């Protein structure tokens, strides 16, 4: 019987931890999960002209 994607992920994670330890397995996963785009440029576009207090209010949900 075929395994579900969740089962495959769990088995894979367990194998990585067994061989590399938890921190090594985490570093391995992070190497493949870097994301995409240029966060620095995106952040500048989004927040450059916005006052810090306004950003804080939005984070707190006080907008």
Protein backbone atom coordinates (compact mmCIF):
# COMPACT_ATOMS: atom_id res chain seq x y z
CA UNK A 1 0.00 0.00 0.00
CA UNK A 2 1.28 3.47 -0.89
CA UNK A 3 2.20 5.83 1.91
CA UNK A 4 0.60 9.24 2.34
CA UNK A 5 2.74 12.35 1.95
CA UNK A 6 2.50 12.87 5.73
CA UNK A 7 3.85 9.39 6.35
CA UNK A 8 6.69 9.93 3.89
CA UNK A 9 7.59 13.23 5.56
CA UNK A 10 7.60 11.64 9.01
CA UNK A 11 9.71 8.68 7.89
CA UNK A 12 12.11 11.00 6.08
CA UNK A 13 12.43 13.31 9.07
CA UNK A 14 13.07 10.35 11.39
CA UNK A 15 15.78 9.07 9.03
CA UNK A 16 17.47 12.47 8.92
CA UNK A 17 17.38 12.83 12.71
CA UNK A 18 18.75 9.31 13.17
CA UNK A 19 21.66 9.99 10.83
CA UNK A 20 22.34 13.71 11.43
CA UNK A 21 20.80 14.49 14.80
CA UNK A 22 18.01 17.04 15.28
CA UNK A 23 20.15 20.12 14.58
CA UNK A 24 21.78 18.55 11.51
CA UNK A 25 18.40 17.46 10.17
CA UNK A 26 17.06 20.97 10.69
CA UNK A 27 20.02 22.51 8.85
CA UNK A 28 19.51 20.04 6.01
CA UNK A 29 15.82 20.97 5.67
CA UNK A 30 16.56 24.70 5.85
CA UNK A 31 19.00 24.32 2.98
CA UNK A 32 16.07 23.28 0.76
CA UNK A 33 13.45 25.66 2.16
CA UNK A 34 15.00 29.04 1.48
CA UNK A 35 11.95 30.50 -0.22
CA UNK A 36 12.18 32.80 -3.20
CA UNK A 37 12.31 36.47 -4.12
CA UNK A 38 14.24 39.31 -2.53
CA UNK A 39 12.84 40.03 0.93
CA UNK A 40 15.03 43.12 1.36
CA UNK A 41 13.58 44.78 -1.76
CA UNK A 42 10.04 43.65 -0.92
CA UNK A 43 10.33 44.90 2.66
CA UNK A 44 11.57 48.28 1.44
CA UNK A 45 8.62 48.61 -0.96
CA UNK A 46 6.11 47.66 1.73
CA UNK A 47 7.45 49.54 4.75
CA UNK A 48 9.77 52.30 3.49
CA UNK A 49 7.34 55.23 3.76
CA UNK A 50 5.29 53.86 6.65
CA UNK A 51 5.94 55.24 10.15
CA UNK A 52 7.12 52.66 12.69
CA UNK A 53 4.15 53.32 14.97
CA UNK A 54 1.74 52.48 12.14
CA UNK A 55 3.56 49.19 11.47
CA UNK A 56 3.40 48.31 15.17
CA UNK A 57 -0.34 49.10 15.29
CA UNK A 58 -0.96 46.85 12.28
CA UNK A 59 0.97 44.00 13.91
CA UNK A 60 -1.08 44.39 17.07
CA UNK A 61 -4.28 44.56 15.02
CA UNK A 62 -5.11 48.08 16.11
CA UNK A 63 -5.61 49.52 12.63
